[in-house]
Amino acid sequence: MKEELKITTNSMAPTEQEMIKLGEDMEKMDTNAEVIEKGLIPDPVQ
């Protein structure tokens, strides 16, 4: 009996194209320091 292996390398972006898009979106996001400079509270570290 053969067992199939399911490998998930990245559930946020399962394809290379989605990974590129996610990277582009993240580049546009403010860093925590920039968020603090704006007087906002950054997301907590997970």
PDB file of N, CA and C in Angstrom:
ATOM      1  N   MET A   1       0.822  -1.177   0.000  1.00  0.00           N
ATOM      2  CA  MET A   1       0.000   0.000   0.000  1.00  0.00           C
ATOM      3  C   MET A   1       0.873   1.251   0.000  1.00  0.00           C
ATOM      4  N   LYS A   2       0.639   2.148  -0.944  1.00  0.00           N
ATOM      5  CA  LYS A   2       1.428   3.369  -1.031  1.00  0.00           C
ATOM      6  C   LYS A   2       0.768   4.484  -0.243  1.00  0.00           C
ATOM      7  N   GLU A   3       1.590   5.217   0.454  1.00  0.00           N
ATOM      8  CA  GLU A   3       1.088   6.383   1.166  1.00  0.00           C
ATOM      9  C   GLU A   3       1.498   7.621   0.385  1.00  0.00           C
ATOM     10  N   GLU A   4       0.559   8.513   0.192  1.00  0.00           N
ATOM     11  CA  GLU A   4       0.875   9.760  -0.492  1.00  0.00           C
ATOM     12  C   GLU A   4       1.318  10.788   0.526  1.00  0.00           C
ATOM     13  N   LEU A   5       2.401  11.469   0.219  1.00  0.00           N
ATOM     14  CA  LEU A   5       2.895  12.513   1.096  1.00  0.00           C
ATOM     15  C   LEU A   5       2.410  13.857   0.582  1.00  0.00           C
ATOM     16  N   LYS A   6       1.831  14.627   1.458  1.00  0.00           N
ATOM     17  CA  LYS A   6       1.406  15.977   1.112  1.00  0.00           C
ATOM     18  C   LYS A   6       2.358  16.946   1.796  1.00  0.00           C
ATOM     19  N   ILE A   7       3.072  17.702   0.986  1.00  0.00           N
ATOM     20  CA  ILE A   7       4.039  18.636   1.527  1.00  0.00           C
ATOM     21  C   ILE A   7       3.531  20.050   1.287  1.00  0.00           C
ATOM     22  N   THR A   8       3.391  20.803   2.353  1.00  0.00           N
ATOM     23  CA  THR A   8       2.993  22.194   2.260  1.00  0.00           C
ATOM     24  C   THR A   8       4.182  23.023   2.712  1.00  0.00           C
ATOM     25  N   THR A   9       4.747  23.785   1.793  1.00  0.00           N
ATOM     26  CA  THR A   9       5.907  24.588   2.156  1.00  0.00           C
ATOM     27  C   THR A   9       5.512  25.940   2.706  1.00  0.00           C
ATOM     28  N   ASN A  10       4.389  26.474   2.263  1.00  0.00           N
ATOM     29  CA  ASN A  10       3.960  27.778   2.737  1.00  0.00           C
ATOM     30  C   ASN A  10       2.464  27.885   2.532  1.00  0.00           C
ATOM     31  N   SER A  11       1.705  27.898   3.620  1.00  0.00           N
ATOM     32  CA  SER A  11       0.254  27.942   3.491  1.00  0.00           C
ATOM     33  C   SER A  11      -0.261  29.341   3.146  1.00  0.00           C
ATOM     34  N   MET A  12       0.548  30.385   3.392  1.00  0.00           N
ATOM     35  CA  MET A  12       0.124  31.743   3.041  1.00  0.00           C
ATOM     36  C   MET A  12       0.215  31.975   1.536  1.00  0.00           C
ATOM     37  N   ALA A  13       1.190  31.349   0.901  1.00  0.00           N
ATOM     38  CA  ALA A  13       1.400  31.524  -0.530  1.00  0.00           C
ATOM     39  C   ALA A  13       1.854  30.192  -1.119  1.00  0.00           C
ATOM     40  N   PRO A  14       0.915  29.347  -1.484  1.00  0.00           N
ATOM     41  CA  PRO A  14       1.268  28.007  -1.947  1.00  0.00           C
ATOM     42  C   PRO A  14       1.957  27.941  -3.315  1.00  0.00           C
ATOM     43  N   THR A  15       1.836  28.963  -4.132  1.00  0.00           N
ATOM     44  CA  THR A  15       2.499  28.941  -5.435  1.00  0.00           C
ATOM     45  C   THR A  15       3.571  30.018  -5.485  1.00  0.00           C
ATOM     46  N   GLU A  16       4.488  29.873  -6.416  1.00  0.00           N
ATOM     47  CA  GLU A  16       5.564  30.848  -6.548  1.00  0.00           C
ATOM     48  C   GLU A  16       5.016  32.234  -6.894  1.00  0.00           C
ATOM     49  N   GLN A  17       4.014  32.287  -7.757  1.00  0.00           N
ATOM     50  CA  GLN A  17       3.425  33.568  -8.139  1.00  0.00           C
ATOM     51  C   GLN A  17       2.784  34.260  -6.935  1.00  0.00           C
ATOM     52  N   GLU A  18       2.093  33.498  -6.094  1.00  0.00           N
ATOM     53  CA  GLU A  18       1.476  34.065  -4.900  1.00  0.00           C
ATOM     54  C   GLU A  18       2.541  34.521  -3.904  1.00  0.00           C
ATOM     55  N   MET A  19       3.670  33.796  -3.858  1.00  0.00           N
ATOM     56  CA  MET A  19       4.757  34.162  -2.962  1.00  0.00           C
ATOM     57  C   MET A  19       5.382  35.487  -3.413  1.00  0.00           C
ATOM     58  N   ILE A  20       5.531  35.669  -4.716  1.00  0.00           N
ATOM     59  CA  ILE A  20       6.069  36.921  -5.253  1.00  0.00           C
ATOM     60  C   ILE A  20       5.124  38.073  -4.932  1.00  0.00           C
ATOM     61  N   LYS A  21       3.832  37.861  -5.130  1.00  0.00           N
ATOM     62  CA  LYS A  21       2.829  38.891  -4.840  1.00  0.00           C
ATOM     63  C   LYS A  21       2.843  39.244  -3.349  1.00  0.00           C
ATOM     64  N   LEU A  22       2.918  38.237  -2.485  1.00  0.00           N
ATOM     65  CA  LEU A  22       2.964  38.471  -1.043  1.00  0.00           C
ATOM     66  C   LEU A  22       4.198  39.287  -0.668  1.00  0.00           C
ATOM     67  N   GLY A  23       5.332  38.958  -1.273  1.00  0.00           N
ATOM     68  CA  GLY A  23       6.566  39.707  -1.021  1.00  0.00           C
ATOM     69  C   GLY A  23       6.433  41.159  -1.432  1.00  0.00           C
ATOM     70  N   GLU A  24       5.804  41.399  -2.590  1.00  0.00           N
ATOM     71  CA  GLU A  24       5.590  42.773  -3.059  1.00  0.00           C
ATOM     72  C   GLU A  24       4.672  43.530  -2.100  1.00  0.00           C
ATOM     73  N   ASP A  25       3.618  42.864  -1.638  1.00  0.00           N
ATOM     74  CA  ASP A  25       2.699  43.499  -0.684  1.00  0.00           C
ATOM     75  C   ASP A  25       3.417  43.833   0.624  1.00  0.00           C
ATOM     76  N   MET A  26       4.268  42.920   1.086  1.00  0.00           N
ATOM     77  CA  MET A  26       4.976  43.140   2.348  1.00  0.00           C
ATOM     78  C   MET A  26       5.983  44.281   2.232  1.00  0.00           C
ATOM     79  N   GLU A  27       6.586  44.461   1.050  1.00  0.00           N
ATOM     80  CA  GLU A  27       7.534  45.557   0.837  1.00  0.00           C
ATOM     81  C   GLU A  27       6.858  46.909   1.027  1.00  0.00           C
ATOM     82  N   LYS A  28       5.568  46.978   0.710  1.00  0.00           N
ATOM     83  CA  LYS A  28       4.824  48.235   0.803  1.00  0.00           C
ATOM     84  C   LYS A  28       4.364  48.538   2.233  1.00  0.00           C
ATOM     85  N   MET A  29       4.437  47.556   3.119  1.00  0.00           N
ATOM     86  CA  MET A  29       3.968  47.741   4.495  1.00  0.00           C
ATOM     87  C   MET A  29       4.984  48.523   5.317  1.00  0.00           C
ATOM     88  N   ASP A  30       4.477  49.308   6.263  1.00  0.00           N
ATOM     89  CA  ASP A  30       5.354  50.047   7.177  1.00  0.00           C
ATOM     90  C   ASP A  30       6.022  49.083   8.145  1.00  0.00           C
ATOM     91  N   THR A  31       7.252  49.435   8.554  1.00  0.00           N
ATOM     92  CA  THR A  31       7.933  48.652   9.584  1.00  0.00           C
ATOM     93  C   THR A  31       7.349  49.037  10.938  1.00  0.00           C
ATOM     94  N   ASN A  32       7.656  48.275  11.969  1.00  0.00           N
ATOM     95  CA  ASN A  32       7.165  48.605  13.314  1.00  0.00           C
ATOM     96  C   ASN A  32       7.632  49.996  13.724  1.00  0.00           C
ATOM     97  N   ALA A  33       8.880  50.356  13.394  1.00  0.00           N
ATOM     98  CA  ALA A  33       9.392  51.681  13.760  1.00  0.00           C
ATOM     99  C   ALA A  33       8.576  52.782  13.075  1.00  0.00           C
ATOM    100  N   GLU A  34       8.230  52.570  11.815  1.00  0.00           N
ATOM    101  CA  GLU A  34       7.436  53.562  11.083  1.00  0.00           C
ATOM    102  C   GLU A  34       6.031  53.671  11.656  1.00  0.00           C
ATOM    103  N   VAL A  35       5.480  52.542  12.068  1.00  0.00           N
ATOM    104  CA  VAL A  35       4.142  52.542  12.674  1.00  0.00           C
ATOM    105  C   VAL A  35       4.161  53.331  13.981  1.00  0.00           C
ATOM    106  N   ILE A  36       5.189  53.106  14.794  1.00  0.00           N
ATOM    107  CA  ILE A  36       5.318  53.811  16.073  1.00  0.00           C
ATOM    108  C   ILE A  36       5.496  55.306  15.840  1.00  0.00           C
ATOM    109  N   GLU A  37       6.295  55.690  14.820  1.00  0.00           N
ATOM    110  CA  GLU A  37       6.499  57.103  14.505  1.00  0.00           C
ATOM    111  C   GLU A  37       5.178  57.792  14.152  1.00  0.00           C
ATOM    112  N   LYS A  38       4.255  57.040  13.580  1.00  0.00           N
ATOM    113  CA  LYS A  38       2.937  57.581  13.211  1.00  0.00           C
ATOM    114  C   LYS A  38       2.008  57.650  14.425  1.00  0.00           C
ATOM    115  N   GLY A  39       2.491  57.192  15.584  1.00  0.00           N
ATOM    116  CA  GLY A  39       1.678  57.230  16.796  1.00  0.00           C
ATOM    117  C   GLY A  39       0.721  56.052  16.917  1.00  0.00           C
ATOM    118  N   LEU A  40       0.977  55.009  16.141  1.00  0.00           N
ATOM    119  CA  LEU A  40       0.116  53.824  16.185  1.00  0.00           C
ATOM    120  C   LEU A  40       0.809  52.714  16.958  1.00  0.00           C
ATOM    121  N   ILE A  41       0.095  51.652  17.240  1.00  0.00           N
ATOM    122  CA  ILE A  41       0.636  50.497  17.960  1.00  0.00           C
ATOM    123  C   ILE A  41       0.810  49.357  16.965  1.00  0.00           C
ATOM    124  N   PRO A  42       2.042  48.847  16.813  1.00  0.00           N
ATOM    125  CA  PRO A  42       2.265  47.740  15.874  1.00  0.00           C
ATOM    126  C   PRO A  42       1.653  46.435  16.390  1.00  0.00           C
ATOM    127  N   ASP A  43       1.479  45.494  15.474  1.00  0.00           N
ATOM    128  CA  ASP A  43       0.971  44.172  15.840  1.00  0.00           C
ATOM    129  C   ASP A  43       1.969  43.493  16.774  1.00  0.00           C
ATOM    130  N   PRO A  44       1.484  42.695  17.706  1.00  0.00           N
ATOM    131  CA  PRO A  44       2.400  41.975  18.607  1.00  0.00           C
ATOM    132  C   PRO A  44       3.175  40.878  17.852  1.00  0.00           C
ATOM    133  N   VAL A  45       4.339  40.557  18.361  1.00  0.00           N
ATOM    134  CA  VAL A  45       5.135  39.480  17.774  1.00  0.00           C
ATOM    135  C   VAL A  45       4.414  38.175  18.040  1.00  0.00           C
ATOM    136  N   GLN A  46       4.370  37.344  17.038  1.00  0.00           N
ATOM    137  CA  GLN A  46       3.664  36.052  17.189  1.00  0.00           C
ATOM    138  C   GLN A  46       4.629  34.943  17.447  1.00  0.00           C
TER     139      GLN A  46
END
